[in-house]
Amino acid sequence: MTGLFSEVFLGALLFGAVTAAVPLLLAGLGEQISEKAGVLNIGIEGMMLAGAYLGFVGAFYSGSLWLGFLTGAAGGVAVALIMALLCVRIGLNQIVIGIALTLGLEGLTALLHHFQFSRSHPRL
């Protein structure tokens, strides 16, 4: 009996691990491509956050998964363009800009999510 539960648990654990690893593997692949181009892309987590948040909001308000996918891609591309403008065109430090974008977008997405979807009321 314990063998059945352990096999089910192991299968669920492996499935969850592979499912959770796919976005990280894709981000790592994108980082490798940018490293080959000579850009140190520390802000890739911020790009993923912006894309995920805008994709969720686009799909939530439109009811269309395709529109959510497109808005998520547009959000990630917009942050990548900001980073490219600041680092490649203006020549600012890639590490500083990447960390600033990641930390700024972590706070911004949390704040926007709280304002749009929080049901709690302020307490005195």
PDB file of N, CA and C in Angstrom:
ATOM      1  N   MET A   1       0.814  -1.196   0.000  1.00  0.00           N
ATOM      2  CA  MET A   1       0.000   0.000   0.000  1.00  0.00           C
ATOM      3  C   MET A   1       0.856   1.259   0.000  1.00  0.00           C
ATOM      4  N   THR A   2       1.942   1.255   0.767  1.00  0.00           N
ATOM      5  CA  THR A   2       2.797   2.442   0.779  1.00  0.00           C
ATOM      6  C   THR A   2       3.538   2.590  -0.539  1.00  0.00           C
ATOM      7  N   GLY A   3       3.779   1.480  -1.232  1.00  0.00           N
ATOM      8  CA  GLY A   3       4.439   1.571  -2.528  1.00  0.00           C
ATOM      9  C   GLY A   3       3.593   2.316  -3.546  1.00  0.00           C
ATOM     10  N   LEU A   4       2.274   2.112  -3.495  1.00  0.00           N
ATOM     11  CA  LEU A   4       1.377   2.817  -4.408  1.00  0.00           C
ATOM     12  C   LEU A   4       1.389   4.314  -4.135  1.00  0.00           C
ATOM     13  N   PHE A   5       1.328   4.674  -2.858  1.00  0.00           N
ATOM     14  CA  PHE A   5       1.323   6.095  -2.526  1.00  0.00           C
ATOM     15  C   PHE A   5       2.653   6.747  -2.859  1.00  0.00           C
ATOM     16  N   SER A   6       3.740   6.031  -2.673  1.00  0.00           N
ATOM     17  CA  SER A   6       5.032   6.625  -2.978  1.00  0.00           C
ATOM     18  C   SER A   6       5.209   6.796  -4.489  1.00  0.00           C
ATOM     19  N   GLU A   7       4.686   5.861  -5.289  1.00  0.00           N
ATOM     20  CA  GLU A   7       4.780   6.007  -6.740  1.00  0.00           C
ATOM     21  C   GLU A   7       3.922   7.165  -7.235  1.00  0.00           C
ATOM     22  N   VAL A   8       2.738   7.311  -6.677  1.00  0.00           N
ATOM     23  CA  VAL A   8       1.871   8.427  -7.053  1.00  0.00           C
ATOM     24  C   VAL A   8       2.510   9.743  -6.636  1.00  0.00           C
ATOM     25  N   PHE A   9       3.064   9.773  -5.431  1.00  0.00           N
ATOM     26  CA  PHE A   9       3.713  10.987  -4.951  1.00  0.00           C
ATOM     27  C   PHE A   9       4.919  11.335  -5.809  1.00  0.00           C
ATOM     28  N   LEU A  10       5.734  10.335  -6.134  1.00  0.00           N
ATOM     29  CA  LEU A  10       6.912  10.576  -6.957  1.00  0.00           C
ATOM     30  C   LEU A  10       6.516  11.066  -8.349  1.00  0.00           C
ATOM     31  N   GLY A  11       5.478  10.481  -8.921  1.00  0.00           N
ATOM     32  CA  GLY A  11       5.012  10.936 -10.232  1.00  0.00           C
ATOM     33  C   GLY A  11       4.511  12.365 -10.201  1.00  0.00           C
ATOM     34  N   ALA A  12       3.745  12.700  -9.168  1.00  0.00           N
ATOM     35  CA  ALA A  12       3.246  14.071  -9.043  1.00  0.00           C
ATOM     36  C   ALA A  12       4.386  15.044  -8.801  1.00  0.00           C
ATOM     37  N   LEU A  13       5.370  14.634  -8.011  1.00  0.00           N
ATOM     38  CA  LEU A  13       6.520  15.492  -7.739  1.00  0.00           C
ATOM     39  C   LEU A  13       7.327  15.750  -9.006  1.00  0.00           C
ATOM     40  N   LEU A  14       7.579  14.714  -9.778  1.00  0.00           N
ATOM     41  CA  LEU A  14       8.331  14.881 -11.022  1.00  0.00           C
ATOM     42  C   LEU A  14       7.561  15.724 -12.034  1.00  0.00           C
ATOM     43  N   PHE A  15       6.264  15.497 -12.128  1.00  0.00           N
ATOM     44  CA  PHE A  15       5.448  16.301 -13.035  1.00  0.00           C
ATOM     45  C   PHE A  15       5.481  17.772 -12.635  1.00  0.00           C
ATOM     46  N   GLY A  16       5.353  18.047 -11.354  1.00  0.00           N
ATOM     47  CA  GLY A  16       5.400  19.427 -10.872  1.00  0.00           C
ATOM     48  C   GLY A  16       6.756  20.067 -11.098  1.00  0.00           C
ATOM     49  N   ALA A  17       7.820  19.292 -10.910  1.00  0.00           N
ATOM     50  CA  ALA A  17       9.163  19.835 -11.107  1.00  0.00           C
ATOM     51  C   ALA A  17       9.414  20.183 -12.572  1.00  0.00           C
ATOM     52  N   VAL A  18       9.008  19.304 -13.467  1.00  0.00           N
ATOM     53  CA  VAL A  18       9.198  19.575 -14.897  1.00  0.00           C
ATOM     54  C   VAL A  18       8.339  20.760 -15.334  1.00  0.00           C
ATOM     55  N   THR A  19       7.109  20.827 -14.838  1.00  0.00           N
ATOM     56  CA  THR A  19       6.222  21.935 -15.186  1.00  0.00           C
ATOM     57  C   THR A  19       6.778  23.262 -14.694  1.00  0.00           C
ATOM     58  N   ALA A  20       7.321  23.277 -13.493  1.00  0.00           N
ATOM     59  CA  ALA A  20       7.871  24.512 -12.942  1.00  0.00           C
ATOM     60  C   ALA A  20       9.196  24.891 -13.596  1.00  0.00           C
ATOM     61  N   ALA A  21       9.906  23.925 -14.152  1.00  0.00           N
ATOM     62  CA  ALA A  21      11.217  24.198 -14.718  1.00  0.00           C
ATOM     63  C   ALA A  21      11.159  24.774 -16.128  1.00  0.00           C
ATOM     64  N   VAL A  22      10.072  24.590 -16.840  1.00  0.00           N
ATOM     65  CA  VAL A  22      10.003  25.037 -18.236  1.00  0.00           C
ATOM     66  C   VAL A  22      10.214  26.544 -18.382  1.00  0.00           C
ATOM     67  N   PRO A  23       9.527  27.413 -17.620  1.00  0.00           N
ATOM     68  CA  PRO A  23       9.796  28.848 -17.782  1.00  0.00           C
ATOM     69  C   PRO A  23      11.230  29.230 -17.435  1.00  0.00           C
ATOM     70  N   LEU A  24      11.808  28.560 -16.444  1.00  0.00           N
ATOM     71  CA  LEU A  24      13.188  28.860 -16.078  1.00  0.00           C
ATOM     72  C   LEU A  24      14.160  28.419 -17.170  1.00  0.00           C
ATOM     73  N   LEU A  25      13.879  27.297 -17.803  1.00  0.00           N
ATOM     74  CA  LEU A  25      14.724  26.847 -18.909  1.00  0.00           C
ATOM     75  C   LEU A  25      14.630  27.795 -20.100  1.00  0.00           C
ATOM     76  N   LEU A  26      13.433  28.276 -20.395  1.00  0.00           N
ATOM     77  CA  LEU A  26      13.284  29.229 -21.496  1.00  0.00           C
ATOM     78  C   LEU A  26      13.986  30.548 -21.185  1.00  0.00           C
ATOM     79  N   ALA A  27      13.913  30.994 -19.936  1.00  0.00           N
ATOM     80  CA  ALA A  27      14.624  32.212 -19.544  1.00  0.00           C
ATOM     81  C   ALA A  27      16.133  32.009 -19.644  1.00  0.00           C
ATOM     82  N   GLY A  28      16.606  30.844 -19.241  1.00  0.00           N
ATOM     83  CA  GLY A  28      18.032  30.551 -19.365  1.00  0.00           C
ATOM     84  C   GLY A  28      18.487  30.501 -20.813  1.00  0.00           C
ATOM     85  N   LEU A  29      17.645  29.974 -21.690  1.00  0.00           N
ATOM     86  CA  LEU A  29      17.970  29.953 -23.113  1.00  0.00           C
ATOM     87  C   LEU A  29      18.051  31.368 -23.675  1.00  0.00           C
ATOM     88  N   GLY A  30      17.104  32.216 -23.278  1.00  0.00           N
ATOM     89  CA  GLY A  30      17.153  33.612 -23.714  1.00  0.00           C
ATOM     90  C   GLY A  30      18.373  34.336 -23.183  1.00  0.00           C
ATOM     91  N   GLU A  31      18.760  34.027 -21.956  1.00  0.00           N
ATOM     92  CA  GLU A  31      19.962  34.630 -21.375  1.00  0.00           C
ATOM     93  C   GLU A  31      21.210  34.193 -22.130  1.00  0.00           C
ATOM     94  N   GLN A  32      21.264  32.933 -22.536  1.00  0.00           N
ATOM     95  CA  GLN A  32      22.406  32.451 -23.306  1.00  0.00           C
ATOM     96  C   GLN A  32      22.520  33.178 -24.643  1.00  0.00           C
ATOM     97  N   ILE A  33      21.387  33.408 -25.285  1.00  0.00           N
ATOM     98  CA  ILE A  33      21.406  34.113 -26.571  1.00  0.00           C
ATOM     99  C   ILE A  33      21.879  35.545 -26.380  1.00  0.00           C
ATOM    100  N   SER A  34      21.418  36.208 -25.324  1.00  0.00           N
ATOM    101  CA  SER A  34      21.858  37.585 -25.093  1.00  0.00           C
ATOM    102  C   SER A  34      23.327  37.629 -24.680  1.00  0.00           C
ATOM    103  N   GLU A  35      23.810  36.616 -23.973  1.00  0.00           N
ATOM    104  CA  GLU A  35      25.230  36.555 -23.624  1.00  0.00           C
ATOM    105  C   GLU A  35      26.089  36.395 -24.878  1.00  0.00           C
ATOM    106  N   LYS A  36      25.610  35.596 -25.835  1.00  0.00           N
ATOM    107  CA  LYS A  36      26.348  35.445 -27.097  1.00  0.00           C
ATOM    108  C   LYS A  36      26.442  36.772 -27.844  1.00  0.00           C
ATOM    109  N   ALA A  37      25.409  37.615 -27.678  1.00  0.00           N
ATOM    110  CA  ALA A  37      25.408  38.922 -28.334  1.00  0.00           C
ATOM    111  C   ALA A  37      26.229  39.948 -27.560  1.00  0.00           C
ATOM    112  N   GLY A  38      26.699  39.591 -26.367  1.00  0.00           N
ATOM    113  CA  GLY A  38      27.530  40.502 -25.598  1.00  0.00           C
ATOM    114  C   GLY A  38      26.769  41.369 -24.615  1.00  0.00           C
ATOM    115  N   VAL A  39      25.535  41.019 -24.320  1.00  0.00           N
ATOM    116  CA  VAL A  39      24.725  41.792 -23.377  1.00  0.00           C
ATOM    117  C   VAL A  39      24.492  40.935 -22.139  1.00  0.00           C
ATOM    118  N   LEU A  40      24.827  41.485 -20.974  1.00  0.00           N
ATOM    119  CA  LEU A  40      24.570  40.795 -19.719  1.00  0.00           C
ATOM    120  C   LEU A  40      23.168  41.169 -19.269  1.00  0.00           C
ATOM    121  N   ASN A  41      22.238  40.243 -19.429  1.00  0.00           N
ATOM    122  CA  ASN A  41      20.826  40.543 -19.196  1.00  0.00           C
ATOM    123  C   ASN A  41      20.416  40.099 -17.798  1.00  0.00           C
ATOM    124  N   ILE A  42      20.727  40.933 -16.813  1.00  0.00           N
ATOM    125  CA  ILE A  42      20.340  40.636 -15.436  1.00  0.00           C
ATOM    126  C   ILE A  42      18.840  40.865 -15.250  1.00  0.00           C
ATOM    127  N   GLY A  43      18.225  41.683 -16.081  1.00  0.00           N
ATOM    128  CA  GLY A  43      16.819  42.043 -15.923  1.00  0.00           C
ATOM    129  C   GLY A  43      15.838  41.069 -16.524  1.00  0.00           C
ATOM    130  N   ILE A  44      16.259  39.842 -16.791  1.00  0.00           N
ATOM    131  CA  ILE A  44      15.352  38.893 -17.444  1.00  0.00           C
ATOM    132  C   ILE A  44      14.188  38.506 -16.532  1.00  0.00           C
ATOM    133  N   GLU A  45      14.403  38.505 -15.218  1.00  0.00           N
ATOM    134  CA  GLU A  45      13.302  38.202 -14.301  1.00  0.00           C
ATOM    135  C   GLU A  45      12.250  39.305 -14.343  1.00  0.00           C
ATOM    136  N   GLY A  46      12.690  40.546 -14.466  1.00  0.00           N
ATOM    137  CA  GLY A  46      11.742  41.652 -14.601  1.00  0.00           C
ATOM    138  C   GLY A  46      10.951  41.569 -15.895  1.00  0.00           C
ATOM    139  N   MET A  47      11.609  41.138 -16.960  1.00  0.00           N
ATOM    140  CA  MET A  47      10.907  40.959 -18.231  1.00  0.00           C
ATOM    141  C   MET A  47       9.850  39.867 -18.114  1.00  0.00           C
ATOM    142  N   MET A  48      10.197  38.790 -17.415  1.00  0.00           N
ATOM    143  CA  MET A  48       9.230  37.707 -17.216  1.00  0.00           C
ATOM    144  C   MET A  48       8.062  38.169 -16.350  1.00  0.00           C
ATOM    145  N   LEU A  49       8.352  38.968 -15.321  1.00  0.00           N
ATOM    146  CA  LEU A  49       7.283  39.479 -14.465  1.00  0.00           C
ATOM    147  C   LEU A  49       6.334  40.385 -15.236  1.00  0.00           C
ATOM    148  N   ALA A  50       6.891  41.293 -16.031  1.00  0.00           N
ATOM    149  CA  ALA A  50       6.043  42.203 -16.806  1.00  0.00           C
ATOM    150  C   ALA A  50       5.202  41.429 -17.808  1.00  0.00           C
ATOM    151  N   GLY A  51       5.813  40.469 -18.486  1.00  0.00           N
ATOM    152  CA  GLY A  51       5.066  39.666 -19.444  1.00  0.00           C
ATOM    153  C   GLY A  51       3.984  38.829 -18.793  1.00  0.00           C
ATOM    154  N   ALA A  52       4.303  38.228 -17.646  1.00  0.00           N
ATOM    155  CA  ALA A  52       3.312  37.399 -16.952  1.00  0.00           C
ATOM    156  C   ALA A  52       2.154  38.240 -16.441  1.00  0.00           C
ATOM    157  N   TYR A  53       2.470  39.386 -15.864  1.00  0.00           N
ATOM    158  CA  TYR A  53       1.390  40.218 -15.322  1.00  0.00           C
ATOM    159  C   TYR A  53       0.505  40.760 -16.440  1.00  0.00           C
ATOM    160  N   LEU A  54       1.115  41.301 -17.479  1.00  0.00           N
ATOM    161  CA  LEU A  54       0.305  41.855 -18.567  1.00  0.00           C
ATOM    162  C   LEU A  54      -0.447  40.761 -19.318  1.00  0.00           C
ATOM    163  N   GLY A  55       0.141  39.582 -19.429  1.00  0.00           N
ATOM    164  CA  GLY A  55      -0.575  38.469 -20.042  1.00  0.00           C
ATOM    165  C   GLY A  55      -1.792  38.059 -19.236  1.00  0.00           C
ATOM    166  N   PHE A  56      -1.636  38.019 -17.911  1.00  0.00           N
ATOM    167  CA  PHE A  56      -2.772  37.688 -17.052  1.00  0.00           C
ATOM    168  C   PHE A  56      -3.858  38.743 -17.155  1.00  0.00           C
ATOM    169  N   VAL A  57      -3.473  40.008 -17.085  1.00  0.00           N
ATOM    170  CA  VAL A  57      -4.468  41.088 -17.142  1.00  0.00           C
ATOM    171  C   VAL A  57      -5.165  41.106 -18.498  1.00  0.00           C
ATOM    172  N   GLY A  58      -4.398  40.910 -19.578  1.00  0.00           N
ATOM    173  CA  GLY A  58      -4.999  40.886 -20.903  1.00  0.00           C
ATOM    174  C   GLY A  58      -5.980  39.745 -21.074  1.00  0.00           C
ATOM    175  N   ALA A  59      -5.617  38.556 -20.586  1.00  0.00           N
ATOM    176  CA  ALA A  59      -6.524  37.413 -20.692  1.00  0.00           C
ATOM    177  C   ALA A  59      -7.717  37.558 -19.756  1.00  0.00           C
ATOM    178  N   PHE A  60      -7.509  38.139 -18.587  1.00  0.00           N
ATOM    179  CA  PHE A  60      -8.584  38.284 -17.608  1.00  0.00           C
ATOM    180  C   PHE A  60      -9.653  39.244 -18.104  1.00  0.00           C
ATOM    181  N   TYR A  61      -9.239  40.395 -18.592  1.00  0.00           N
ATOM    182  CA  TYR A  61     -10.213  41.400 -18.997  1.00  0.00           C
ATOM    183  C   TYR A  61     -10.816  41.138 -20.375  1.00  0.00           C
ATOM    184  N   SER A  62     -10.072  40.485 -21.265  1.00  0.00           N
ATOM    185  CA  SER A  62     -10.624  40.231 -22.598  1.00  0.00           C
ATOM    186  C   SER A  62     -11.342  38.885 -22.677  1.00  0.00           C
ATOM    187  N   GLY A  63     -10.960  37.944 -21.835  1.00  0.00           N
ATOM    188  CA  GLY A  63     -11.535  36.607 -21.910  1.00  0.00           C
ATOM    189  C   GLY A  63     -10.916  35.759 -23.005  1.00  0.00           C
ATOM    190  N   SER A  64      -9.879  36.254 -23.651  1.00  0.00           N
ATOM    191  CA  SER A  64      -9.235  35.545 -24.748  1.00  0.00           C
ATOM    192  C   SER A  64      -7.813  35.158 -24.346  1.00  0.00           C
ATOM    193  N   LEU A  65      -7.497  33.876 -24.452  1.00  0.00           N
ATOM    194  CA  LEU A  65      -6.142  33.441 -24.135  1.00  0.00           C
ATOM    195  C   LEU A  65      -5.135  33.972 -25.144  1.00  0.00           C
ATOM    196  N   TRP A  66      -5.557  34.089 -26.396  1.00  0.00           N
ATOM    197  CA  TRP A  66      -4.644  34.593 -27.422  1.00  0.00           C
ATOM    198  C   TRP A  66      -4.297  36.057 -27.185  1.00  0.00           C
ATOM    199  N   LEU A  67      -5.272  36.847 -26.797  1.00  0.00           N
ATOM    200  CA  LEU A  67      -4.980  38.244 -26.487  1.00  0.00           C
ATOM    201  C   LEU A  67      -4.105  38.346 -25.244  1.00  0.00           C
ATOM    202  N   GLY A  68      -4.314  37.465 -24.282  1.00  0.00           N
ATOM    203  CA  GLY A  68      -3.441  37.424 -23.115  1.00  0.00           C
ATOM    204  C   GLY A  68      -2.013  37.071 -23.491  1.00  0.00           C
ATOM    205  N   PHE A  69      -1.868  36.115 -24.396  1.00  0.00           N
ATOM    206  CA  PHE A  69      -0.533  35.754 -24.872  1.00  0.00           C
ATOM    207  C   PHE A  69       0.139  36.928 -25.571  1.00  0.00           C
ATOM    208  N   LEU A  70      -0.614  37.625 -26.410  1.00  0.00           N
ATOM    209  CA  LEU A  70      -0.044  38.760 -27.138  1.00  0.00           C
ATOM    210  C   LEU A  70       0.315  39.917 -26.211  1.00  0.00           C
ATOM    211  N   THR A  71      -0.537  40.209 -25.227  1.00  0.00           N
ATOM    212  CA  THR A  71      -0.206  41.293 -24.301  1.00  0.00           C
ATOM    213  C   THR A  71       0.981  40.912 -23.418  1.00  0.00           C
ATOM    214  N   GLY A  72       1.094  39.655 -23.055  1.00  0.00           N
ATOM    215  CA  GLY A  72       2.255  39.212 -22.287  1.00  0.00           C
ATOM    216  C   GLY A  72       3.546  39.339 -23.083  1.00  0.00           C
ATOM    217  N   ALA A  73       3.492  38.935 -24.341  1.00  0.00           N
ATOM    218  CA  ALA A  73       4.668  39.077 -25.197  1.00  0.00           C
ATOM    219  C   ALA A  73       5.019  40.543 -25.403  1.00  0.00           C
ATOM    220  N   ALA A  74       4.007  41.378 -25.572  1.00  0.00           N
ATOM    221  CA  ALA A  74       4.257  42.812 -25.746  1.00  0.00           C
ATOM    222  C   ALA A  74       4.870  43.423 -24.493  1.00  0.00           C
ATOM    223  N   GLY A  75       4.442  42.975 -23.316  1.00  0.00           N
ATOM    224  CA  GLY A  75       5.029  43.481 -22.071  1.00  0.00           C
ATOM    225  C   GLY A  75       6.490  43.104 -21.938  1.00  0.00           C
ATOM    226  N   GLY A  76       6.826  41.863 -22.250  1.00  0.00           N
ATOM    227  CA  GLY A  76       8.220  41.439 -22.202  1.00  0.00           C
ATOM    228  C   GLY A  76       9.082  42.164 -23.215  1.00  0.00           C
ATOM    229  N   VAL A  77       8.546  42.359 -24.408  1.00  0.00           N
ATOM    230  CA  VAL A  77       9.286  43.082 -25.449  1.00  0.00           C
ATOM    231  C   VAL A  77       9.486  44.542 -25.057  1.00  0.00           C
ATOM    232  N   ALA A  78       8.484  45.154 -24.433  1.00  0.00           N
ATOM    233  CA  ALA A  78       8.607  46.557 -24.017  1.00  0.00           C
ATOM    234  C   ALA A  78       9.721  46.726 -22.988  1.00  0.00           C
ATOM    235  N   VAL A  79       9.798  45.819 -22.028  1.00  0.00           N
ATOM    236  CA  VAL A  79      10.865  45.907 -21.023  1.00  0.00           C
ATOM    237  C   VAL A  79      12.221  45.632 -21.669  1.00  0.00           C
ATOM    238  N   ALA A  80      12.278  44.691 -22.599  1.00  0.00           N
ATOM    239  CA  ALA A  80      13.531  44.420 -23.303  1.00  0.00           C
ATOM    240  C   ALA A  80      13.975  45.625 -24.121  1.00  0.00           C
ATOM    241  N   LEU A  81      13.025  46.328 -24.733  1.00  0.00           N
ATOM    242  CA  LEU A  81      13.382  47.535 -25.483  1.00  0.00           C
ATOM    243  C   LEU A  81      13.894  48.637 -24.566  1.00  0.00           C
ATOM    244  N   ILE A  82      13.296  48.759 -23.383  1.00  0.00           N
ATOM    245  CA  ILE A  82      13.784  49.753 -22.422  1.00  0.00           C
ATOM    246  C   ILE A  82      15.213  49.419 -22.007  1.00  0.00           C
ATOM    247  N   MET A  83      15.469  48.151 -21.737  1.00  0.00           N
ATOM    248  CA  MET A  83      16.821  47.751 -21.344  1.00  0.00           C
ATOM    249  C   MET A  83      17.808  47.954 -22.483  1.00  0.00           C
ATOM    250  N   ALA A  84      17.399  47.626 -23.703  1.00  0.00           N
ATOM    251  CA  ALA A  84      18.283  47.825 -24.852  1.00  0.00           C
ATOM    252  C   ALA A  84      18.572  49.301 -25.071  1.00  0.00           C
ATOM    253  N   LEU A  85      17.569  50.135 -24.923  1.00  0.00           N
ATOM    254  CA  LEU A  85      17.774  51.571 -25.089  1.00  0.00           C
ATOM    255  C   LEU A  85      18.751  52.110 -24.054  1.00  0.00           C
ATOM    256  N   LEU A  86      18.553  51.715 -22.805  1.00  0.00           N
ATOM    257  CA  LEU A  86      19.402  52.243 -21.738  1.00  0.00           C
ATOM    258  C   LEU A  86      20.822  51.690 -21.785  1.00  0.00           C
ATOM    259  N   CYS A  87      20.978  50.421 -22.124  1.00  0.00           N
ATOM    260  CA  CYS A  87      22.301  49.798 -22.074  1.00  0.00           C
ATOM    261  C   CYS A  87      23.075  49.916 -23.379  1.00  0.00           C
ATOM    262  N   VAL A  88      22.412  49.668 -24.492  1.00  0.00           N
ATOM    263  CA  VAL A  88      23.127  49.631 -25.764  1.00  0.00           C
ATOM    264  C   VAL A  88      23.239  51.021 -26.372  1.00  0.00           C
ATOM    265  N   ARG A  89      22.148  51.743 -26.434  1.00  0.00           N
ATOM    266  CA  ARG A  89      22.176  53.067 -27.063  1.00  0.00           C
ATOM    267  C   ARG A  89      22.820  54.126 -26.181  1.00  0.00           C
ATOM    268  N   ILE A  90      22.392  54.195 -24.917  1.00  0.00           N
ATOM    269  CA  ILE A  90      22.905  55.233 -24.026  1.00  0.00           C
ATOM    270  C   ILE A  90      24.224  54.797 -23.390  1.00  0.00           C
ATOM    271  N   GLY A  91      24.406  53.501 -23.186  1.00  0.00           N
ATOM    272  CA  GLY A  91      25.661  52.984 -22.670  1.00  0.00           C
ATOM    273  C   GLY A  91      25.748  52.920 -21.155  1.00  0.00           C
ATOM    274  N   LEU A  92      24.618  52.800 -20.488  1.00  0.00           N
ATOM    275  CA  LEU A  92      24.625  52.685 -19.035  1.00  0.00           C
ATOM    276  C   LEU A  92      25.048  51.275 -18.624  1.00  0.00           C
ATOM    277  N   ASN A  93      25.378  51.119 -17.362  1.00  0.00           N
ATOM    278  CA  ASN A  93      25.851  49.839 -16.845  1.00  0.00           C
ATOM    279  C   ASN A  93      24.734  48.796 -16.916  1.00  0.00           C
ATOM    280  N   GLN A  94      25.036  47.657 -17.538  1.00  0.00           N
ATOM    281  CA  GLN A  94      24.032  46.614 -17.746  1.00  0.00           C
ATOM    282  C   GLN A  94      23.590  45.965 -16.443  1.00  0.00           C
ATOM    283  N   ILE A  95      24.504  45.810 -15.511  1.00  0.00           N
ATOM    284  CA  ILE A  95      24.154  45.177 -14.239  1.00  0.00           C
ATOM    285  C   ILE A  95      23.237  46.079 -13.430  1.00  0.00           C
ATOM    286  N   VAL A  96      23.572  47.353 -13.366  1.00  0.00           N
ATOM    287  CA  VAL A  96      22.761  48.293 -12.587  1.00  0.00           C
ATOM    288  C   VAL A  96      21.365  48.425 -13.192  1.00  0.00           C
ATOM    289  N   ILE A  97      21.281  48.555 -14.502  1.00  0.00           N
ATOM    290  CA  ILE A  97      19.980  48.696 -15.161  1.00  0.00           C
ATOM    291  C   ILE A  97      19.164  47.412 -15.016  1.00  0.00           C
ATOM    292  N   GLY A  98      19.798  46.250 -15.151  1.00  0.00           N
ATOM    293  CA  GLY A  98      19.082  44.986 -15.002  1.00  0.00           C
ATOM    294  C   GLY A  98      18.519  44.799 -13.605  1.00  0.00           C
ATOM    295  N   ILE A  99      19.318  45.114 -12.589  1.00  0.00           N
ATOM    296  CA  ILE A  99      18.832  44.994 -11.212  1.00  0.00           C
ATOM    297  C   ILE A  99      17.735  46.013 -10.950  1.00  0.00           C
ATOM    298  N   ALA A 100      17.905  47.231 -11.449  1.00  0.00           N
ATOM    299  CA  ALA A 100      16.881  48.260 -11.245  1.00  0.00           C
ATOM    300  C   ALA A 100      15.568  47.874 -11.919  1.00  0.00           C
ATOM    301  N   LEU A 101      15.634  47.342 -13.131  1.00  0.00           N
ATOM    302  CA  LEU A 101      14.410  46.912 -13.811  1.00  0.00           C
ATOM    303  C   LEU A 101      13.738  45.759 -13.069  1.00  0.00           C
ATOM    304  N   THR A 102      14.521  44.803 -12.616  1.00  0.00           N
ATOM    305  CA  THR A 102      13.939  43.660 -11.908  1.00  0.00           C
ATOM    306  C   THR A 102      13.275  44.099 -10.610  1.00  0.00           C
ATOM    307  N   LEU A 103      13.977  44.873  -9.804  1.00  0.00           N
ATOM    308  CA  LEU A 103      13.402  45.312  -8.531  1.00  0.00           C
ATOM    309  C   LEU A 103      12.218  46.248  -8.743  1.00  0.00           C
ATOM    310  N   GLY A 104      12.333  47.140  -9.720  1.00  0.00           N
ATOM    311  CA  GLY A 104      11.228  48.055  -9.995  1.00  0.00           C
ATOM    312  C   GLY A 104       9.988  47.338 -10.485  1.00  0.00           C
ATOM    313  N   LEU A 105      10.174  46.352 -11.350  1.00  0.00           N
ATOM    314  CA  LEU A 105       9.017  45.625 -11.869  1.00  0.00           C
ATOM    315  C   LEU A 105       8.437  44.655 -10.850  1.00  0.00           C
ATOM    316  N   GLU A 106       9.258  44.151  -9.935  1.00  0.00           N
ATOM    317  CA  GLU A 106       8.696  43.337  -8.852  1.00  0.00           C
ATOM    318  C   GLU A 106       7.732  44.170  -8.021  1.00  0.00           C
ATOM    319  N   GLY A 107       8.151  45.361  -7.669  1.00  0.00           N
ATOM    320  CA  GLY A 107       7.279  46.235  -6.888  1.00  0.00           C
ATOM    321  C   GLY A 107       6.079  46.718  -7.671  1.00  0.00           C
ATOM    322  N   LEU A 108       6.290  47.074  -8.935  1.00  0.00           N
ATOM    323  CA  LEU A 108       5.199  47.605  -9.750  1.00  0.00           C
ATOM    324  C   LEU A 108       4.121  46.560 -10.013  1.00  0.00           C
ATOM    325  N   THR A 109       4.523  45.341 -10.346  1.00  0.00           N
ATOM    326  CA  THR A 109       3.514  44.313 -10.598  1.00  0.00           C
ATOM    327  C   THR A 109       2.751  43.955  -9.325  1.00  0.00           C
ATOM    328  N   ALA A 110       3.446  43.909  -8.185  1.00  0.00           N
ATOM    329  CA  ALA A 110       2.749  43.634  -6.921  1.00  0.00           C
ATOM    330  C   ALA A 110       1.775  44.757  -6.584  1.00  0.00           C
ATOM    331  N   LEU A 111       2.191  45.998  -6.805  1.00  0.00           N
ATOM    332  CA  LEU A 111       1.327  47.143  -6.514  1.00  0.00           C
ATOM    333  C   LEU A 111       0.111  47.168  -7.436  1.00  0.00           C
ATOM    334  N   LEU A 112       0.319  46.967  -8.721  1.00  0.00           N
ATOM    335  CA  LEU A 112      -0.799  46.968  -9.667  1.00  0.00           C
ATOM    336  C   LEU A 112      -1.758  45.812  -9.391  1.00  0.00           C
ATOM    337  N   HIS A 113      -1.212  44.657  -9.056  1.00  0.00           N
ATOM    338  CA  HIS A 113      -2.077  43.519  -8.734  1.00  0.00           C
ATOM    339  C   HIS A 113      -2.905  43.811  -7.487  1.00  0.00           C
ATOM    340  N   HIS A 114      -2.288  44.433  -6.505  1.00  0.00           N
ATOM    341  CA  HIS A 114      -3.025  44.767  -5.283  1.00  0.00           C
ATOM    342  C   HIS A 114      -4.133  45.772  -5.574  1.00  0.00           C
ATOM    343  N   PHE A 115      -3.849  46.773  -6.389  1.00  0.00           N
ATOM    344  CA  PHE A 115      -4.863  47.784  -6.693  1.00  0.00           C
ATOM    345  C   PHE A 115      -5.997  47.228  -7.545  1.00  0.00           C
ATOM    346  N   GLN A 116      -5.698  46.333  -8.470  1.00  0.00           N
ATOM    347  CA  GLN A 116      -6.726  45.839  -9.380  1.00  0.00           C
ATOM    348  C   GLN A 116      -7.532  44.678  -8.821  1.00  0.00           C
ATOM    349  N   PHE A 117      -6.912  43.808  -8.052  1.00  0.00           N
ATOM    350  CA  PHE A 117      -7.579  42.561  -7.701  1.00  0.00           C
ATOM    351  C   PHE A 117      -7.749  42.333  -6.211  1.00  0.00           C
ATOM    352  N   SER A 118      -7.313  43.253  -5.373  1.00  0.00           N
ATOM    353  CA  SER A 118      -7.459  43.073  -3.934  1.00  0.00           C
ATOM    354  C   SER A 118      -8.879  43.407  -3.515  1.00  0.00           C
ATOM    355  N   ARG A 119      -9.453  42.571  -2.682  1.00  0.00           N
ATOM    356  CA  ARG A 119     -10.817  42.786  -2.222  1.00  0.00           C
ATOM    357  C   ARG A 119     -10.858  43.308  -0.789  1.00  0.00           C
ATOM    358  N   SER A 120      -9.727  43.467  -0.178  1.00  0.00           N
ATOM    359  CA  SER A 120      -9.725  43.944   1.203  1.00  0.00           C
ATOM    360  C   SER A 120      -9.855  45.463   1.229  1.00  0.00           C
ATOM    361  N   HIS A 121     -10.409  45.958   2.302  1.00  0.00           N
ATOM    362  CA  HIS A 121     -10.585  47.391   2.479  1.00  0.00           C
ATOM    363  C   HIS A 121      -9.591  47.883   3.518  1.00  0.00           C
ATOM    364  N   PRO A 122      -9.172  49.124   3.407  1.00  0.00           N
ATOM    365  CA  PRO A 122      -8.220  49.632   4.398  1.00  0.00           C
ATOM    366  C   PRO A 122      -8.829  49.661   5.797  1.00  0.00           C
ATOM    367  N   ARG A 123      -8.000  49.383   6.771  1.00  0.00           N
ATOM    368  CA  ARG A 123      -8.454  49.385   8.164  1.00  0.00           C
ATOM    369  C   ARG A 123      -7.797  50.530   8.906  1.00  0.00           C
ATOM    370  N   LEU A 124      -8.540  51.097   9.857  1.00  0.00           N
ATOM    371  CA  LEU A 124      -7.988  52.183  10.669  1.00  0.00           C
ATOM    372  C   LEU A 124      -7.385  51.667  11.940  1.00  0.00           C
TER     373      LEU A 124
END
